[in-house]
Amino acid sequence: MLVPQQLLYFGVENITAPEAAAIRDNAIKVISREEALIDIEAAAARATEWAARFDCVLIHFDVDVLSFIDFPIAENVRRCDGLKLEQAAFALRQLTALMQWRGLTITEVNPAHAPDETAAFACLNEVLADALG
């Protein structure tokens, strides 16, 4: 079982006041959307450095961190200022390159939101195949 200090939120925004209090009170590491958008390489390096101290690294990729305009597969259709798919892919590649990396889950994928489901899945699958090596 994980403890809160073993969690890192990457590329998040829209954190409610109760969520912010839980993050603060439980010392959960956060690399914000703004930080990732400003410099994805530095943000990914910080996430990788943080994760490298653990024996086992699990990644939960919620596609709601993505810009819906850039890649419209997210559940949250109001997010227009999230990460570009290439930015998320870069961070995933860095984290999955860790020797301690053991698993990846992906959530909130809603291909029906994309203008072309086949093309959207092909693009997502290409990104994931690249990240997984």
N, C-alpha and C. Protein backbone atom coordinates (compact mmCIF):
# COMPACT_ATOMS: atom_id res chain seq x y z
N MET A 1 0.84 -1.17 0.00
CA MET A 1 0.00 0.00 0.00
C MET A 1 0.89 1.24 0.00
N LEU A 2 0.52 2.20 -0.80
CA LEU A 2 1.28 3.45 -0.87
C LEU A 2 0.87 4.40 0.25
N VAL A 3 1.84 5.19 0.66
CA VAL A 3 1.55 6.29 1.57
C VAL A 3 1.57 7.58 0.74
N PRO A 4 0.93 8.65 1.20
CA PRO A 4 0.84 9.86 0.40
C PRO A 4 2.19 10.41 -0.08
N GLN A 5 3.23 10.26 0.72
CA GLN A 5 4.54 10.80 0.34
C GLN A 5 5.17 10.02 -0.82
N GLN A 6 4.52 8.95 -1.25
CA GLN A 6 5.00 8.17 -2.40
C GLN A 6 4.25 8.55 -3.67
N LEU A 7 3.49 9.64 -3.62
CA LEU A 7 2.73 10.10 -4.78
C LEU A 7 3.33 11.38 -5.32
N LEU A 8 3.28 11.51 -6.64
CA LEU A 8 3.66 12.75 -7.30
C LEU A 8 2.57 13.06 -8.32
N TYR A 9 2.00 14.25 -8.24
CA TYR A 9 1.03 14.70 -9.23
C TYR A 9 1.78 15.54 -10.25
N PHE A 10 1.67 15.15 -11.51
CA PHE A 10 2.41 15.82 -12.59
C PHE A 10 1.42 16.44 -13.57
N GLY A 11 1.59 17.74 -13.80
CA GLY A 11 0.77 18.43 -14.79
C GLY A 11 -0.64 18.73 -14.34
N VAL A 12 -0.86 18.80 -13.04
CA VAL A 12 -2.22 19.01 -12.54
C VAL A 12 -2.56 20.49 -12.44
N GLU A 13 -3.85 20.75 -12.49
CA GLU A 13 -4.42 22.08 -12.27
C GLU A 13 -5.82 21.87 -11.72
N ASN A 14 -6.56 22.93 -11.55
CA ASN A 14 -7.94 22.84 -11.05
C ASN A 14 -8.03 22.08 -9.74
N ILE A 15 -7.09 22.30 -8.86
CA ILE A 15 -7.12 21.64 -7.55
C ILE A 15 -8.04 22.45 -6.64
N THR A 16 -9.01 21.77 -6.06
CA THR A 16 -9.96 22.44 -5.16
C THR A 16 -9.28 22.74 -3.83
N ALA A 17 -9.90 23.59 -3.05
CA ALA A 17 -9.34 23.93 -1.73
C ALA A 17 -9.18 22.69 -0.84
N PRO A 18 -10.17 21.79 -0.77
CA PRO A 18 -9.96 20.58 0.04
C PRO A 18 -8.84 19.68 -0.50
N GLU A 19 -8.74 19.59 -1.83
CA GLU A 19 -7.65 18.80 -2.41
C GLU A 19 -6.30 19.43 -2.09
N ALA A 20 -6.21 20.74 -2.19
CA ALA A 20 -4.96 21.44 -1.87
C ALA A 20 -4.58 21.22 -0.41
N ALA A 21 -5.56 21.22 0.47
CA ALA A 21 -5.28 20.97 1.89
C ALA A 21 -4.77 19.55 2.09
N ALA A 22 -5.37 18.58 1.41
CA ALA A 22 -4.92 17.19 1.53
C ALA A 22 -3.51 17.03 0.98
N ILE A 23 -3.22 17.68 -0.13
CA ILE A 23 -1.87 17.63 -0.72
C ILE A 23 -0.86 18.21 0.26
N ARG A 24 -1.17 19.38 0.81
CA ARG A 24 -0.28 20.04 1.77
C ARG A 24 -0.12 19.20 3.04
N ASP A 25 -1.22 18.77 3.61
CA ASP A 25 -1.19 18.05 4.89
C ASP A 25 -0.50 16.69 4.79
N ASN A 26 -0.52 16.11 3.59
CA ASN A 26 0.08 14.78 3.40
C ASN A 26 1.43 14.83 2.68
N ALA A 27 1.95 16.04 2.47
CA ALA A 27 3.26 16.22 1.83
C ALA A 27 3.35 15.48 0.50
N ILE A 28 2.31 15.62 -0.32
CA ILE A 28 2.31 15.01 -1.65
C ILE A 28 3.06 15.94 -2.60
N LYS A 29 3.95 15.39 -3.37
CA LYS A 29 4.75 16.16 -4.33
C LYS A 29 3.88 16.55 -5.52
N VAL A 30 4.00 17.79 -5.97
CA VAL A 30 3.25 18.28 -7.12
C VAL A 30 4.19 19.00 -8.07
N ILE A 31 4.10 18.66 -9.34
CA ILE A 31 4.72 19.43 -10.41
C ILE A 31 3.53 19.92 -11.24
N SER A 32 3.27 21.20 -11.16
CA SER A 32 2.04 21.76 -11.72
C SER A 32 2.04 21.78 -13.25
N ARG A 33 0.86 22.01 -13.76
CA ARG A 33 0.70 22.17 -15.21
C ARG A 33 1.55 23.33 -15.71
N GLU A 34 1.54 24.43 -14.96
CA GLU A 34 2.31 25.60 -15.37
C GLU A 34 3.80 25.27 -15.46
N GLU A 35 4.32 24.57 -14.46
CA GLU A 35 5.73 24.19 -14.47
C GLU A 35 6.04 23.31 -15.68
N ALA A 36 5.17 22.36 -15.96
CA ALA A 36 5.39 21.45 -17.09
C ALA A 36 5.29 22.19 -18.42
N LEU A 37 4.36 23.13 -18.53
CA LEU A 37 4.21 23.88 -19.78
C LEU A 37 5.40 24.81 -20.02
N ILE A 38 5.94 25.38 -18.95
CA ILE A 38 7.07 26.29 -19.09
C ILE A 38 8.32 25.56 -19.56
N ASP A 39 8.60 24.40 -18.96
CA ASP A 39 9.82 23.66 -19.30
C ASP A 39 9.59 22.17 -19.03
N ILE A 40 9.11 21.47 -20.04
CA ILE A 40 8.78 20.06 -19.86
C ILE A 40 10.02 19.23 -19.53
N GLU A 41 11.16 19.58 -20.08
CA GLU A 41 12.37 18.82 -19.79
C GLU A 41 12.76 18.94 -18.32
N ALA A 42 12.72 20.15 -17.78
CA ALA A 42 13.05 20.34 -16.36
C ALA A 42 12.02 19.67 -15.47
N ALA A 43 10.74 19.79 -15.83
CA ALA A 43 9.68 19.17 -15.02
C ALA A 43 9.82 17.65 -15.03
N ALA A 44 10.08 17.08 -16.19
CA ALA A 44 10.26 15.62 -16.29
C ALA A 44 11.51 15.18 -15.53
N ALA A 45 12.57 15.98 -15.58
CA ALA A 45 13.79 15.65 -14.84
C ALA A 45 13.53 15.65 -13.33
N ARG A 46 12.76 16.63 -12.86
CA ARG A 46 12.41 16.67 -11.43
C ARG A 46 11.57 15.45 -11.04
N ALA A 47 10.63 15.08 -11.89
CA ALA A 47 9.80 13.90 -11.60
C ALA A 47 10.64 12.63 -11.60
N THR A 48 11.54 12.51 -12.54
CA THR A 48 12.40 11.33 -12.63
C THR A 48 13.34 11.26 -11.44
N GLU A 49 13.92 12.38 -11.07
CA GLU A 49 14.81 12.42 -9.91
C GLU A 49 14.05 12.02 -8.64
N TRP A 50 12.84 12.53 -8.49
CA TRP A 50 12.02 12.19 -7.32
C TRP A 50 11.70 10.70 -7.33
N ALA A 51 11.29 10.16 -8.46
CA ALA A 51 10.87 8.75 -8.55
C ALA A 51 12.03 7.78 -8.40
N ALA A 52 13.23 8.19 -8.76
CA ALA A 52 14.39 7.29 -8.74
C ALA A 52 14.74 6.78 -7.35
N ARG A 53 14.26 7.42 -6.32
CA ARG A 53 14.60 6.99 -4.96
C ARG A 53 13.79 5.78 -4.50
N PHE A 54 12.78 5.39 -5.27
CA PHE A 54 11.92 4.28 -4.89
C PHE A 54 12.36 2.97 -5.54
N ASP A 55 12.04 1.86 -4.89
CA ASP A 55 12.36 0.54 -5.44
C ASP A 55 11.46 0.17 -6.61
N CYS A 56 10.27 0.75 -6.63
CA CYS A 56 9.27 0.40 -7.64
C CYS A 56 8.53 1.68 -8.04
N VAL A 57 8.39 1.91 -9.34
CA VAL A 57 7.70 3.10 -9.84
C VAL A 57 6.50 2.66 -10.67
N LEU A 58 5.33 3.15 -10.29
CA LEU A 58 4.10 2.91 -11.03
C LEU A 58 3.61 4.25 -11.55
N ILE A 59 3.16 4.28 -12.78
CA ILE A 59 2.71 5.53 -13.40
C ILE A 59 1.22 5.41 -13.69
N HIS A 60 0.47 6.40 -13.26
CA HIS A 60 -0.96 6.49 -13.57
C HIS A 60 -1.12 7.72 -14.47
N PHE A 61 -1.45 7.51 -15.73
CA PHE A 61 -1.56 8.58 -16.71
C PHE A 61 -3.04 8.88 -16.94
N ASP A 62 -3.50 9.99 -16.38
CA ASP A 62 -4.87 10.45 -16.58
C ASP A 62 -4.83 11.44 -17.74
N VAL A 63 -5.45 11.10 -18.85
CA VAL A 63 -5.33 11.95 -20.03
C VAL A 63 -6.02 13.30 -19.86
N ASP A 64 -6.71 13.52 -18.76
CA ASP A 64 -7.27 14.84 -18.50
C ASP A 64 -6.19 15.91 -18.31
N VAL A 65 -4.93 15.52 -18.16
CA VAL A 65 -3.86 16.52 -18.08
C VAL A 65 -3.54 17.10 -19.46
N LEU A 66 -4.06 16.45 -20.52
CA LEU A 66 -3.78 16.90 -21.88
C LEU A 66 -4.68 18.06 -22.29
N SER A 67 -4.19 18.86 -23.21
CA SER A 67 -5.00 19.91 -23.82
C SER A 67 -6.05 19.24 -24.70
N PHE A 68 -7.31 19.52 -24.42
CA PHE A 68 -8.38 18.94 -25.22
C PHE A 68 -8.33 19.44 -26.65
N ILE A 69 -7.92 20.67 -26.85
CA ILE A 69 -7.80 21.23 -28.20
C ILE A 69 -6.71 20.51 -28.97
N ASP A 70 -5.59 20.23 -28.33
CA ASP A 70 -4.46 19.57 -28.97
C ASP A 70 -4.75 18.10 -29.27
N PHE A 71 -5.38 17.42 -28.32
CA PHE A 71 -5.62 15.98 -28.48
C PHE A 71 -6.93 15.63 -27.78
N PRO A 72 -8.05 15.70 -28.51
CA PRO A 72 -9.38 15.61 -27.89
C PRO A 72 -9.85 14.19 -27.55
N ILE A 73 -9.21 13.58 -26.56
CA ILE A 73 -9.67 12.26 -26.11
C ILE A 73 -10.00 12.27 -24.62
N ALA A 74 -9.80 13.39 -23.97
CA ALA A 74 -10.00 13.46 -22.53
C ALA A 74 -11.48 13.45 -22.18
N GLU A 75 -11.75 13.09 -20.93
CA GLU A 75 -13.11 13.14 -20.40
C GLU A 75 -13.52 14.58 -20.15
N ASN A 76 -12.57 15.38 -19.70
CA ASN A 76 -12.84 16.76 -19.34
C ASN A 76 -12.67 17.65 -20.56
N VAL A 77 -13.77 17.95 -21.23
CA VAL A 77 -13.71 18.69 -22.49
C VAL A 77 -13.46 20.19 -22.31
N ARG A 78 -13.46 20.66 -21.08
CA ARG A 78 -13.22 22.09 -20.82
C ARG A 78 -11.73 22.42 -20.74
N ARG A 79 -10.88 21.43 -20.70
CA ARG A 79 -9.45 21.69 -20.53
C ARG A 79 -8.80 22.01 -21.86
N CYS A 80 -8.54 23.25 -22.09
CA CYS A 80 -7.92 23.66 -23.35
C CYS A 80 -6.47 24.08 -23.16
N ASP A 81 -6.04 24.15 -21.94
CA ASP A 81 -4.70 24.67 -21.67
C ASP A 81 -3.81 23.64 -20.98
N GLY A 82 -4.08 22.37 -21.23
CA GLY A 82 -3.26 21.32 -20.63
C GLY A 82 -2.00 21.07 -21.43
N LEU A 83 -1.35 19.97 -21.12
CA LEU A 83 -0.13 19.59 -21.81
C LEU A 83 -0.43 19.13 -23.23
N LYS A 84 0.49 19.39 -24.12
CA LYS A 84 0.40 18.81 -25.46
C LYS A 84 0.77 17.33 -25.35
N LEU A 85 0.28 16.53 -26.27
CA LEU A 85 0.56 15.10 -26.24
C LEU A 85 2.07 14.84 -26.26
N GLU A 86 2.80 15.62 -27.06
CA GLU A 86 4.26 15.43 -27.14
C GLU A 86 4.93 15.70 -25.79
N GLN A 87 4.42 16.66 -25.05
CA GLN A 87 4.99 16.95 -23.73
C GLN A 87 4.74 15.80 -22.76
N ALA A 88 3.52 15.29 -22.75
CA ALA A 88 3.21 14.14 -21.89
C ALA A 88 4.04 12.94 -22.31
N ALA A 89 4.21 12.74 -23.61
CA ALA A 89 5.00 11.62 -24.11
C ALA A 89 6.45 11.74 -23.65
N PHE A 90 6.99 12.95 -23.68
CA PHE A 90 8.36 13.16 -23.22
C PHE A 90 8.50 12.75 -21.76
N ALA A 91 7.59 13.22 -20.92
CA ALA A 91 7.64 12.87 -19.49
C ALA A 91 7.49 11.37 -19.29
N LEU A 92 6.58 10.74 -20.03
CA LEU A 92 6.41 9.29 -19.92
C LEU A 92 7.69 8.54 -20.30
N ARG A 93 8.33 8.98 -21.38
CA ARG A 93 9.59 8.32 -21.80
C ARG A 93 10.65 8.41 -20.72
N GLN A 94 10.75 9.55 -20.06
CA GLN A 94 11.75 9.71 -19.01
C GLN A 94 11.46 8.78 -17.83
N LEU A 95 10.19 8.72 -17.44
CA LEU A 95 9.82 7.91 -16.28
C LEU A 95 9.87 6.41 -16.57
N THR A 96 9.46 6.00 -17.76
CA THR A 96 9.50 4.57 -18.08
C THR A 96 10.92 4.08 -18.34
N ALA A 97 11.86 5.00 -18.50
CA ALA A 97 13.26 4.61 -18.66
C ALA A 97 13.92 4.24 -17.33
N LEU A 98 13.27 4.58 -16.23
CA LEU A 98 13.83 4.23 -14.92
C LEU A 98 13.89 2.72 -14.75
N MET A 99 14.96 2.23 -14.18
CA MET A 99 15.09 0.79 -13.91
C MET A 99 14.00 0.31 -12.96
N GLN A 100 13.49 1.19 -12.13
CA GLN A 100 12.48 0.82 -11.13
C GLN A 100 11.05 0.83 -11.70
N TRP A 101 10.89 1.26 -12.93
CA TRP A 101 9.55 1.35 -13.50
C TRP A 101 8.95 -0.03 -13.65
N ARG A 102 7.71 -0.19 -13.17
CA ARG A 102 7.06 -1.50 -13.18
C ARG A 102 5.70 -1.54 -13.86
N GLY A 103 4.99 -0.40 -13.93
CA GLY A 103 3.66 -0.46 -14.50
C GLY A 103 3.11 0.89 -14.90
N LEU A 104 2.12 0.84 -15.80
CA LEU A 104 1.48 2.04 -16.32
C LEU A 104 -0.02 1.80 -16.42
N THR A 105 -0.80 2.71 -15.87
CA THR A 105 -2.25 2.69 -16.08
C THR A 105 -2.62 3.97 -16.81
N ILE A 106 -3.67 3.90 -17.61
CA ILE A 106 -4.13 5.05 -18.38
C ILE A 106 -5.63 5.17 -18.16
N THR A 107 -6.08 6.38 -17.81
CA THR A 107 -7.51 6.57 -17.55
C THR A 107 -8.06 7.81 -18.24
N GLU A 108 -9.37 7.88 -18.25
CA GLU A 108 -10.16 8.99 -18.80
C GLU A 108 -10.02 9.11 -20.31
N VAL A 109 -9.65 8.03 -20.98
CA VAL A 109 -9.58 8.04 -22.45
C VAL A 109 -11.01 7.92 -22.99
N ASN A 110 -11.41 8.90 -23.74
CA ASN A 110 -12.74 8.94 -24.34
C ASN A 110 -12.61 9.21 -25.83
N PRO A 111 -12.33 8.17 -26.62
CA PRO A 111 -12.09 8.37 -28.05
C PRO A 111 -13.29 8.94 -28.79
N ALA A 112 -14.50 8.79 -28.24
CA ALA A 112 -15.68 9.35 -28.90
C ALA A 112 -15.61 10.87 -28.98
N HIS A 113 -14.78 11.50 -28.16
CA HIS A 113 -14.62 12.95 -28.21
C HIS A 113 -13.74 13.39 -29.38
N ALA A 114 -12.97 12.49 -29.93
CA ALA A 114 -12.06 12.83 -31.03
C ALA A 114 -12.83 12.88 -32.35
N PRO A 115 -12.43 13.77 -33.25
CA PRO A 115 -13.09 13.83 -34.55
C PRO A 115 -12.89 12.53 -35.35
N ASP A 116 -11.76 11.87 -35.13
CA ASP A 116 -11.45 10.62 -35.83
C ASP A 116 -10.88 9.64 -34.79
N GLU A 117 -11.74 8.74 -34.30
CA GLU A 117 -11.33 7.81 -33.25
C GLU A 117 -10.14 6.96 -33.67
N THR A 118 -10.15 6.47 -34.90
CA THR A 118 -9.08 5.60 -35.38
C THR A 118 -7.75 6.33 -35.36
N ALA A 119 -7.74 7.55 -35.85
CA ALA A 119 -6.50 8.34 -35.87
C ALA A 119 -6.05 8.68 -34.46
N ALA A 120 -7.00 9.00 -33.58
CA ALA A 120 -6.65 9.34 -32.20
C ALA A 120 -6.01 8.15 -31.50
N PHE A 121 -6.61 6.97 -31.66
CA PHE A 121 -6.03 5.78 -31.03
C PHE A 121 -4.68 5.43 -31.64
N ALA A 122 -4.54 5.58 -32.94
CA ALA A 122 -3.26 5.30 -33.59
C ALA A 122 -2.17 6.21 -33.02
N CYS A 123 -2.50 7.47 -32.85
CA CYS A 123 -1.54 8.43 -32.29
C CYS A 123 -1.21 8.09 -30.84
N LEU A 124 -2.22 7.82 -30.04
CA LEU A 124 -1.99 7.46 -28.64
C LEU A 124 -1.18 6.18 -28.53
N ASN A 125 -1.51 5.18 -29.34
CA ASN A 125 -0.77 3.92 -29.32
C ASN A 125 0.69 4.11 -29.72
N GLU A 126 0.94 5.00 -30.67
CA GLU A 126 2.32 5.29 -31.08
C GLU A 126 3.10 5.92 -29.93
N VAL A 127 2.48 6.87 -29.25
CA VAL A 127 3.12 7.52 -28.10
C VAL A 127 3.43 6.49 -27.02
N LEU A 128 2.47 5.64 -26.72
CA LEU A 128 2.66 4.63 -25.67
C LEU A 128 3.72 3.61 -26.07
N ALA A 129 3.70 3.17 -27.31
CA ALA A 129 4.72 2.21 -27.77
C ALA A 129 6.11 2.81 -27.65
N ASP A 130 6.23 4.09 -28.00
CA ASP A 130 7.52 4.77 -27.88
C ASP A 130 7.95 4.87 -26.41
N ALA A 131 7.02 5.22 -25.55
CA ALA A 131 7.34 5.36 -24.12
C ALA A 131 7.70 4.02 -23.50
N LEU A 132 7.06 2.96 -23.96
CA LEU A 132 7.30 1.64 -23.38
C LEU A 132 8.52 0.95 -23.97
N GLY A 133 9.08 1.54 -25.01
CA GLY A 133 10.29 0.99 -25.59
C GLY A 133 10.01 -0.20 -26.44
